[in-house]
N, C-alpha and C. Protein backbone atom coordinates (compact mmCIF):
# COMPACT_ATOMS: atom_id res chain seq x y z
N MET A 1 -33.86 92.92 -49.40
CA MET A 1 -33.61 93.30 -48.01
C MET A 1 -34.50 92.45 -47.10
N PRO A 2 -33.91 91.82 -46.08
CA PRO A 2 -34.73 90.97 -45.21
C PRO A 2 -35.71 91.79 -44.37
N ARG A 3 -36.83 91.17 -44.11
CA ARG A 3 -37.84 91.84 -43.30
C ARG A 3 -37.51 91.68 -41.83
N ARG A 4 -37.73 92.75 -41.10
CA ARG A 4 -37.52 92.70 -39.65
C ARG A 4 -38.88 92.59 -38.98
N PRO A 5 -38.90 91.99 -37.79
CA PRO A 5 -40.18 91.91 -37.08
C PRO A 5 -40.72 93.31 -36.79
N PHE A 6 -42.01 93.35 -36.61
CA PHE A 6 -42.69 94.61 -36.39
C PHE A 6 -42.15 95.31 -35.14
N GLY A 7 -41.83 96.60 -35.24
CA GLY A 7 -41.40 97.40 -34.09
C GLY A 7 -39.93 97.31 -33.78
N GLN A 8 -39.17 96.59 -34.59
CA GLN A 8 -37.74 96.44 -34.29
C GLN A 8 -36.94 97.01 -35.45
N ARG A 9 -36.30 98.12 -35.22
CA ARG A 9 -35.52 98.76 -36.28
C ARG A 9 -34.11 98.21 -36.37
N ASP A 10 -33.53 97.95 -35.24
CA ASP A 10 -32.14 97.50 -35.21
C ASP A 10 -32.12 96.10 -34.57
N PRO A 11 -31.44 95.12 -35.18
CA PRO A 11 -31.44 93.77 -34.60
C PRO A 11 -30.74 93.68 -33.25
N THR A 12 -29.88 94.65 -32.91
CA THR A 12 -29.19 94.59 -31.62
C THR A 12 -30.07 95.07 -30.46
N VAL A 13 -31.21 95.69 -30.78
CA VAL A 13 -32.09 96.20 -29.73
C VAL A 13 -32.60 95.05 -28.88
N ARG A 14 -33.02 93.96 -29.53
CA ARG A 14 -33.54 92.81 -28.80
C ARG A 14 -32.44 92.17 -27.96
N ALA A 15 -31.25 92.05 -28.51
CA ALA A 15 -30.14 91.46 -27.77
C ALA A 15 -29.80 92.30 -26.54
N ASP A 16 -29.79 93.62 -26.69
CA ASP A 16 -29.52 94.50 -25.54
C ASP A 16 -30.60 94.38 -24.49
N ALA A 17 -31.85 94.27 -24.92
CA ALA A 17 -32.96 94.13 -23.97
C ALA A 17 -32.83 92.82 -23.19
N LEU A 18 -32.45 91.74 -23.87
CA LEU A 18 -32.26 90.46 -23.19
C LEU A 18 -31.12 90.54 -22.18
N LYS A 19 -30.05 91.23 -22.53
CA LYS A 19 -28.93 91.38 -21.60
C LYS A 19 -29.35 92.16 -20.35
N ARG A 20 -30.10 93.25 -20.55
CA ARG A 20 -30.57 94.03 -19.41
C ARG A 20 -31.49 93.19 -18.53
N HIS A 21 -32.37 92.42 -19.16
CA HIS A 21 -33.29 91.57 -18.40
C HIS A 21 -32.52 90.54 -17.58
N ALA A 22 -31.50 89.92 -18.18
CA ALA A 22 -30.68 88.93 -17.47
C ALA A 22 -29.96 89.58 -16.30
N LEU A 23 -29.49 90.82 -16.48
CA LEU A 23 -28.79 91.52 -15.41
C LEU A 23 -29.74 91.82 -14.24
N VAL A 24 -30.95 92.27 -14.56
CA VAL A 24 -31.93 92.56 -13.51
C VAL A 24 -32.30 91.29 -12.77
N ARG A 25 -32.50 90.19 -13.49
CA ARG A 25 -32.84 88.91 -12.84
C ARG A 25 -31.70 88.44 -11.94
N ARG A 26 -30.47 88.62 -12.39
CA ARG A 26 -29.31 88.21 -11.60
C ARG A 26 -29.24 89.02 -10.31
N GLU A 27 -29.45 90.33 -10.40
CA GLU A 27 -29.44 91.18 -9.20
C GLU A 27 -30.55 90.78 -8.23
N ASP A 28 -31.74 90.49 -8.75
CA ASP A 28 -32.84 90.05 -7.88
C ASP A 28 -32.49 88.74 -7.18
N ARG A 29 -31.90 87.82 -7.92
CA ARG A 29 -31.53 86.53 -7.35
C ARG A 29 -30.50 86.70 -6.23
N ARG A 30 -29.50 87.55 -6.46
CA ARG A 30 -28.48 87.78 -5.43
C ARG A 30 -29.07 88.47 -4.21
N ALA A 31 -30.00 89.39 -4.41
CA ALA A 31 -30.66 90.05 -3.28
C ALA A 31 -31.43 89.03 -2.44
N LYS A 32 -32.09 88.09 -3.08
CA LYS A 32 -32.82 87.04 -2.34
C LYS A 32 -31.86 86.17 -1.56
N TRP A 33 -30.73 85.81 -2.17
CA TRP A 33 -29.73 84.99 -1.47
C TRP A 33 -29.23 85.70 -0.22
N LEU A 34 -28.92 87.00 -0.36
CA LEU A 34 -28.43 87.76 0.79
C LEU A 34 -29.50 87.86 1.87
N GLU A 35 -30.74 88.05 1.46
CA GLU A 35 -31.83 88.16 2.42
C GLU A 35 -32.02 86.85 3.17
N ARG A 36 -31.93 85.73 2.49
CA ARG A 36 -32.06 84.42 3.15
C ARG A 36 -30.89 84.17 4.10
N ALA A 37 -29.72 84.69 3.77
CA ALA A 37 -28.54 84.50 4.62
C ALA A 37 -28.54 85.44 5.83
N GLY A 38 -29.47 86.38 5.87
CA GLY A 38 -29.54 87.29 7.01
C GLY A 38 -28.73 88.55 6.83
N VAL A 39 -28.22 88.78 5.63
CA VAL A 39 -27.46 89.99 5.36
C VAL A 39 -28.44 91.06 4.89
N LYS A 40 -28.60 92.04 5.73
CA LYS A 40 -29.54 93.13 5.40
C LYS A 40 -28.75 94.29 4.80
N PRO A 41 -29.40 95.17 4.07
CA PRO A 41 -28.68 96.31 3.48
C PRO A 41 -27.99 97.18 4.52
N GLU A 42 -28.56 97.28 5.72
CA GLU A 42 -27.94 98.10 6.77
C GLU A 42 -26.61 97.48 7.22
N LEU A 43 -26.61 96.16 7.39
CA LEU A 43 -25.38 95.46 7.80
C LEU A 43 -24.32 95.59 6.72
N TYR A 44 -24.72 95.43 5.49
CA TYR A 44 -23.81 95.55 4.37
C TYR A 44 -23.21 96.96 4.31
N LYS A 45 -24.06 97.97 4.51
CA LYS A 45 -23.61 99.36 4.50
C LYS A 45 -22.61 99.61 5.62
N GLU A 46 -22.87 99.04 6.78
CA GLU A 46 -21.95 99.20 7.92
C GLU A 46 -20.59 98.56 7.63
N ALA A 47 -20.60 97.40 6.98
CA ALA A 47 -19.34 96.72 6.66
C ALA A 47 -18.51 97.56 5.67
N ILE A 48 -19.18 98.13 4.68
CA ILE A 48 -18.46 98.96 3.70
C ILE A 48 -17.92 100.22 4.36
N GLU A 49 -18.71 100.83 5.26
CA GLU A 49 -18.24 102.03 5.96
C GLU A 49 -17.04 101.71 6.85
N THR A 50 -17.03 100.52 7.46
CA THR A 50 -15.90 100.11 8.28
C THR A 50 -14.63 99.99 7.42
N LEU A 51 -14.78 99.41 6.25
CA LEU A 51 -13.63 99.30 5.36
C LEU A 51 -13.15 100.68 4.92
N GLN A 52 -14.10 101.59 4.67
CA GLN A 52 -13.71 102.95 4.31
C GLN A 52 -12.96 103.63 5.45
N ALA A 53 -13.40 103.41 6.68
CA ALA A 53 -12.72 104.01 7.82
C ALA A 53 -11.30 103.43 7.97
N GLN A 54 -11.16 102.15 7.69
CA GLN A 54 -9.84 101.53 7.80
C GLN A 54 -8.89 102.04 6.73
N MET A 55 -9.41 102.55 5.64
CA MET A 55 -8.55 103.12 4.59
C MET A 55 -7.82 104.37 5.09
N HIS A 56 -8.32 104.98 6.17
CA HIS A 56 -7.71 106.19 6.73
C HIS A 56 -7.22 105.93 8.15
N ALA A 57 -6.85 104.69 8.46
CA ALA A 57 -6.43 104.33 9.82
C ALA A 57 -5.12 105.01 10.20
N THR A 58 -5.02 105.39 11.47
CA THR A 58 -3.79 105.98 12.01
C THR A 58 -3.45 105.29 13.32
N LYS A 59 -2.22 105.47 13.76
CA LYS A 59 -1.80 104.92 15.05
C LYS A 59 -0.96 105.95 15.79
N LEU A 60 -0.88 105.80 17.10
CA LEU A 60 -0.11 106.73 17.93
C LEU A 60 1.26 106.12 18.21
N VAL A 61 2.29 106.89 17.93
CA VAL A 61 3.66 106.45 18.22
C VAL A 61 4.32 107.54 19.05
N PRO A 62 5.27 107.15 19.90
CA PRO A 62 5.94 108.16 20.72
C PRO A 62 6.80 109.08 19.87
N ALA A 63 6.74 110.38 20.21
CA ALA A 63 7.52 111.37 19.48
C ALA A 63 9.00 111.28 19.87
N VAL A 64 9.27 111.14 21.18
CA VAL A 64 10.64 111.09 21.67
C VAL A 64 10.74 109.94 22.68
N VAL A 65 11.80 109.13 22.54
CA VAL A 65 12.03 108.01 23.44
C VAL A 65 13.45 108.15 23.97
N ASP A 66 13.62 107.97 25.32
CA ASP A 66 14.97 108.09 25.88
C ASP A 66 15.74 106.78 25.67
N ARG A 67 16.96 106.73 26.24
CA ARG A 67 17.84 105.58 26.02
C ARG A 67 17.28 104.30 26.63
N LYS A 68 16.51 104.42 27.67
CA LYS A 68 15.94 103.25 28.34
C LYS A 68 14.69 102.73 27.63
N GLY A 69 14.16 103.51 26.69
CA GLY A 69 12.97 103.09 25.97
C GLY A 69 11.70 103.70 26.51
N ASN A 70 11.83 104.63 27.46
CA ASN A 70 10.66 105.29 28.02
C ASN A 70 10.22 106.45 27.13
N VAL A 71 8.90 106.65 27.05
CA VAL A 71 8.37 107.75 26.26
C VAL A 71 8.54 109.03 27.05
N VAL A 72 9.22 110.00 26.47
CA VAL A 72 9.50 111.25 27.16
C VAL A 72 8.44 112.30 26.82
N GLY A 73 8.15 112.47 25.57
CA GLY A 73 7.27 113.55 25.16
C GLY A 73 5.88 113.05 24.78
N GLU A 74 5.32 113.75 23.86
CA GLU A 74 3.98 113.42 23.41
C GLU A 74 4.00 112.25 22.42
N ARG A 75 2.81 111.80 22.11
CA ARG A 75 2.66 110.78 21.07
C ARG A 75 2.16 111.47 19.81
N VAL A 76 2.61 110.94 18.66
CA VAL A 76 2.28 111.54 17.37
C VAL A 76 1.41 110.54 16.59
N GLU A 77 0.43 111.07 15.89
CA GLU A 77 -0.45 110.23 15.08
C GLU A 77 0.15 110.08 13.69
N VAL A 78 0.40 108.82 13.27
CA VAL A 78 0.96 108.54 11.96
C VAL A 78 0.07 107.53 11.23
N PRO A 79 0.13 107.48 9.92
CA PRO A 79 -0.69 106.51 9.18
C PRO A 79 -0.30 105.08 9.50
N ASP A 80 -1.31 104.23 9.65
CA ASP A 80 -1.07 102.81 9.90
C ASP A 80 -1.15 102.09 8.56
N ASN A 81 0.00 101.95 7.93
CA ASN A 81 0.03 101.44 6.56
C ASN A 81 -0.40 99.98 6.47
N ALA A 82 -0.13 99.17 7.48
CA ALA A 82 -0.52 97.76 7.44
C ALA A 82 -2.04 97.62 7.37
N ILE A 83 -2.73 98.37 8.22
CA ILE A 83 -4.20 98.32 8.23
C ILE A 83 -4.75 98.88 6.92
N ARG A 84 -4.15 99.94 6.44
CA ARG A 84 -4.62 100.55 5.19
C ARG A 84 -4.47 99.59 4.01
N LEU A 85 -3.34 98.88 3.96
CA LEU A 85 -3.14 97.93 2.87
C LEU A 85 -4.13 96.78 2.94
N LYS A 86 -4.39 96.28 4.14
CA LYS A 86 -5.37 95.19 4.28
C LYS A 86 -6.76 95.64 3.86
N ALA A 87 -7.14 96.86 4.26
CA ALA A 87 -8.45 97.39 3.88
C ALA A 87 -8.55 97.57 2.38
N ALA A 88 -7.50 98.06 1.77
CA ALA A 88 -7.50 98.26 0.32
C ALA A 88 -7.64 96.92 -0.40
N ALA A 89 -6.95 95.90 0.09
CA ALA A 89 -7.05 94.57 -0.53
C ALA A 89 -8.46 94.01 -0.38
N GLU A 90 -9.06 94.20 0.80
CA GLU A 90 -10.43 93.72 1.01
C GLU A 90 -11.42 94.44 0.10
N ILE A 91 -11.25 95.73 -0.06
CA ILE A 91 -12.14 96.48 -0.94
C ILE A 91 -11.95 96.02 -2.39
N ALA A 92 -10.73 95.80 -2.80
CA ALA A 92 -10.47 95.34 -4.16
C ALA A 92 -11.10 93.97 -4.40
N ASP A 93 -10.97 93.06 -3.43
CA ASP A 93 -11.59 91.74 -3.55
C ASP A 93 -13.11 91.86 -3.62
N HIS A 94 -13.66 92.74 -2.80
CA HIS A 94 -15.11 92.93 -2.78
C HIS A 94 -15.60 93.47 -4.14
N VAL A 95 -14.89 94.41 -4.69
CA VAL A 95 -15.28 94.97 -5.99
C VAL A 95 -15.21 93.90 -7.07
N ARG A 96 -14.17 93.06 -7.03
CA ARG A 96 -14.07 91.98 -8.01
C ARG A 96 -15.23 91.01 -7.90
N LEU A 97 -15.61 90.68 -6.68
CA LEU A 97 -16.72 89.74 -6.49
C LEU A 97 -18.05 90.35 -6.93
N VAL A 98 -18.27 91.61 -6.58
CA VAL A 98 -19.55 92.25 -6.91
C VAL A 98 -19.70 92.46 -8.40
N THR A 99 -18.62 92.85 -9.06
CA THR A 99 -18.71 93.13 -10.49
C THR A 99 -18.61 91.86 -11.33
N GLY A 100 -18.29 90.74 -10.71
CA GLY A 100 -18.22 89.50 -11.46
C GLY A 100 -16.85 89.21 -12.03
N LEU A 101 -15.87 90.04 -11.72
CA LEU A 101 -14.51 89.78 -12.19
C LEU A 101 -13.84 88.80 -11.25
N THR A 102 -12.86 88.10 -11.71
CA THR A 102 -12.12 87.18 -10.86
C THR A 102 -10.71 87.70 -10.66
N ALA A 103 -10.17 87.42 -9.49
CA ALA A 103 -8.82 87.87 -9.19
C ALA A 103 -7.80 87.06 -9.97
N GLU A 104 -8.09 85.79 -10.22
CA GLU A 104 -7.16 84.93 -10.94
C GLU A 104 -7.74 84.61 -12.30
N THR A 105 -6.97 84.85 -13.31
CA THR A 105 -7.42 84.49 -14.64
C THR A 105 -7.03 83.05 -14.90
N LYS A 106 -7.92 82.30 -15.49
CA LYS A 106 -7.63 80.91 -15.79
C LYS A 106 -6.97 80.84 -17.15
N VAL A 107 -5.72 80.46 -17.12
CA VAL A 107 -4.96 80.36 -18.36
C VAL A 107 -4.75 78.88 -18.64
N ASP A 108 -5.17 78.45 -19.81
CA ASP A 108 -4.95 77.06 -20.19
C ASP A 108 -3.47 76.85 -20.39
N LYS A 109 -2.98 75.75 -19.83
CA LYS A 109 -1.57 75.44 -19.99
C LYS A 109 -1.36 74.97 -21.42
N PRO A 110 -0.53 75.67 -22.15
CA PRO A 110 -0.31 75.23 -23.53
C PRO A 110 0.47 73.92 -23.54
N SER A 111 0.07 73.04 -24.42
CA SER A 111 0.80 71.79 -24.51
C SER A 111 2.20 72.09 -25.00
N GLN A 112 3.12 71.33 -24.52
CA GLN A 112 4.51 71.60 -24.88
C GLN A 112 4.70 71.29 -26.36
N ALA A 113 4.97 72.30 -27.11
CA ALA A 113 5.12 72.14 -28.54
C ALA A 113 6.56 71.85 -28.89
N GLN A 114 6.73 71.05 -29.89
CA GLN A 114 8.06 70.77 -30.40
C GLN A 114 8.18 71.43 -31.76
N VAL A 115 9.29 72.06 -31.96
CA VAL A 115 9.51 72.75 -33.23
C VAL A 115 10.61 72.02 -33.98
N ALA A 116 10.30 71.68 -35.21
CA ALA A 116 11.31 71.04 -36.07
C ALA A 116 11.72 72.04 -37.13
N LEU A 117 13.01 72.16 -37.30
CA LEU A 117 13.55 73.09 -38.29
C LEU A 117 14.21 72.27 -39.39
N VAL A 118 13.68 72.37 -40.59
CA VAL A 118 14.21 71.62 -41.72
C VAL A 118 14.97 72.60 -42.60
N VAL A 119 16.24 72.29 -42.84
CA VAL A 119 17.09 73.14 -43.66
C VAL A 119 17.66 72.31 -44.80
N ASN A 120 17.46 72.78 -46.00
CA ASN A 120 18.06 72.13 -47.17
C ASN A 120 19.33 72.89 -47.54
N LEU A 121 20.45 72.20 -47.44
CA LEU A 121 21.73 72.81 -47.76
C LEU A 121 22.17 72.37 -49.16
N PRO A 122 22.83 73.25 -49.86
CA PRO A 122 23.34 72.86 -51.18
C PRO A 122 24.48 71.86 -51.03
N ASP A 123 24.73 71.12 -52.11
CA ASP A 123 25.75 70.06 -52.07
C ASP A 123 27.14 70.61 -51.76
N TRP A 124 27.47 71.79 -52.25
CA TRP A 124 28.81 72.29 -52.03
C TRP A 124 29.08 72.62 -50.57
N ILE A 125 28.03 72.91 -49.76
CA ILE A 125 28.22 73.13 -48.32
C ILE A 125 28.29 71.79 -47.60
N VAL A 126 27.42 70.87 -47.97
CA VAL A 126 27.37 69.59 -47.30
C VAL A 126 28.62 68.77 -47.56
N ARG A 127 29.13 68.84 -48.76
CA ARG A 127 30.28 68.02 -49.14
C ARG A 127 31.60 68.69 -48.82
N SER A 128 31.60 69.76 -48.06
CA SER A 128 32.84 70.46 -47.76
C SER A 128 33.63 69.80 -46.64
N GLN A 129 33.05 68.88 -45.90
CA GLN A 129 33.77 68.21 -44.83
C GLN A 129 34.57 67.04 -45.40
N PRO A 130 35.77 66.83 -44.90
CA PRO A 130 36.66 65.81 -45.49
C PRO A 130 36.08 64.40 -45.44
N ALA A 131 35.43 64.03 -44.35
CA ALA A 131 34.90 62.67 -44.25
C ALA A 131 33.81 62.45 -45.28
N GLN A 132 33.06 63.45 -45.56
CA GLN A 132 31.99 63.31 -46.54
C GLN A 132 32.55 63.29 -47.96
N LEU A 133 33.65 64.01 -48.18
CA LEU A 133 34.27 63.99 -49.49
C LEU A 133 34.86 62.62 -49.80
N GLU A 134 35.45 61.98 -48.76
CA GLU A 134 36.02 60.65 -48.94
C GLU A 134 34.94 59.63 -49.23
N ALA A 135 33.78 59.79 -48.62
CA ALA A 135 32.72 58.81 -48.81
C ALA A 135 32.22 58.85 -50.25
N GLY A 136 32.23 60.03 -50.88
CA GLY A 136 31.86 60.14 -52.27
C GLY A 136 30.37 60.01 -52.53
N THR A 137 29.55 60.13 -51.52
CA THR A 137 28.11 60.04 -51.72
C THR A 137 27.57 61.42 -52.06
N PRO A 138 26.39 61.51 -52.66
CA PRO A 138 25.87 62.81 -53.06
C PRO A 138 25.77 63.80 -51.90
N ARG A 139 25.31 63.39 -50.79
CA ARG A 139 25.19 64.31 -49.66
C ARG A 139 26.04 63.87 -48.47
N GLY A 140 26.75 62.82 -48.60
CA GLY A 140 27.62 62.38 -47.53
C GLY A 140 26.87 61.68 -46.41
N ARG A 141 25.63 61.28 -46.65
CA ARG A 141 24.85 60.67 -45.57
C ARG A 141 25.20 59.19 -45.40
N GLU A 142 25.52 58.56 -46.47
CA GLU A 142 25.77 57.12 -46.42
C GLU A 142 27.28 56.90 -46.45
N ARG A 143 27.89 56.99 -45.31
CA ARG A 143 29.34 56.82 -45.25
C ARG A 143 29.66 55.39 -44.86
N SER A 144 30.72 54.91 -45.35
CA SER A 144 31.15 53.58 -44.94
C SER A 144 31.94 53.71 -43.65
N VAL A 145 31.90 52.68 -42.86
CA VAL A 145 32.56 52.70 -41.55
C VAL A 145 34.07 52.73 -41.70
N GLU A 146 34.61 52.09 -42.74
CA GLU A 146 36.06 52.02 -42.90
C GLU A 146 36.67 53.39 -43.17
N SER A 147 35.94 54.28 -43.86
CA SER A 147 36.54 55.55 -44.25
C SER A 147 36.59 56.55 -43.10
N VAL A 148 35.90 56.29 -42.01
CA VAL A 148 35.83 57.27 -40.93
C VAL A 148 36.45 56.72 -39.65
N GLU A 149 37.31 55.75 -39.73
CA GLU A 149 37.91 55.20 -38.53
C GLU A 149 38.92 56.17 -37.95
N ALA A 150 38.96 56.22 -36.62
CA ALA A 150 39.90 57.11 -35.94
C ALA A 150 41.13 56.32 -35.53
N GLU A 151 42.27 57.01 -35.43
CA GLU A 151 43.50 56.36 -34.98
C GLU A 151 43.48 56.21 -33.47
N PRO A 152 43.90 55.09 -32.95
CA PRO A 152 43.91 54.91 -31.49
C PRO A 152 44.98 55.81 -30.86
N VAL A 153 44.64 56.38 -29.71
CA VAL A 153 45.55 57.27 -29.02
C VAL A 153 45.78 56.70 -27.63
N ALA A 154 47.01 56.53 -27.25
CA ALA A 154 47.35 56.05 -25.92
C ALA A 154 47.90 57.22 -25.12
N VAL A 155 47.39 57.42 -23.93
CA VAL A 155 47.83 58.53 -23.10
C VAL A 155 48.49 57.96 -21.86
N THR A 156 49.70 58.40 -21.59
CA THR A 156 50.41 57.99 -20.38
C THR A 156 50.87 59.23 -19.66
N GLU A 157 50.84 59.16 -18.35
CA GLU A 157 51.29 60.32 -17.56
C GLU A 157 52.55 59.94 -16.80
N THR A 158 53.56 60.81 -16.93
CA THR A 158 54.81 60.57 -16.21
C THR A 158 55.25 61.88 -15.59
N ASP A 159 55.43 61.88 -14.33
CA ASP A 159 55.94 63.04 -13.58
C ASP A 159 55.17 64.33 -13.89
N GLY A 160 53.90 64.24 -13.97
CA GLY A 160 53.08 65.42 -14.19
C GLY A 160 53.02 65.87 -15.63
N GLU A 161 53.81 65.21 -16.53
CA GLU A 161 53.75 65.57 -17.94
C GLU A 161 52.91 64.55 -18.68
N ARG A 162 52.30 65.01 -19.75
CA ARG A 162 51.46 64.13 -20.53
C ARG A 162 52.16 63.79 -21.83
N GLU A 163 52.19 62.52 -22.14
CA GLU A 163 52.78 62.09 -23.39
C GLU A 163 51.76 61.29 -24.18
N THR A 164 51.75 61.49 -25.49
CA THR A 164 50.88 60.69 -26.33
C THR A 164 51.73 59.83 -27.22
N ALA A 165 51.29 58.61 -27.40
CA ALA A 165 52.08 57.69 -28.22
C ALA A 165 51.34 57.34 -29.49
């Protein structure tokens, strides 16, 4: 059994401690960057609260409108879905940035693969075609030109009818 260093029972303990240390250092570094940029925790908190308020945005629309387009009655408060959607998207983007996730996954473009299909057919299937039978070769691959000549066909058209000679 291999010896472990003094005070370490599980080898993953050190790895977990290093991960926590790296996380704390990363958070400290980001806090310094924000501080140098002039972003204070109060300003950041205000921005998040504004986004939260926009998630519940409403607008006033007329309850009744006459034929001329004039508002006759009271105005009714309805949800402003456009503002709510924009706020939700901003919050989602913010969460992705803060947690280190990316909105777009980088997918490597696979090289265009070519697939070759090799099929070995028995002789009785390959030699079933008449031209291959006439050639008399084992698989019909080496055919002579004379055995596969086609007959010439002349086509003439007369009065809309087709005649072959």
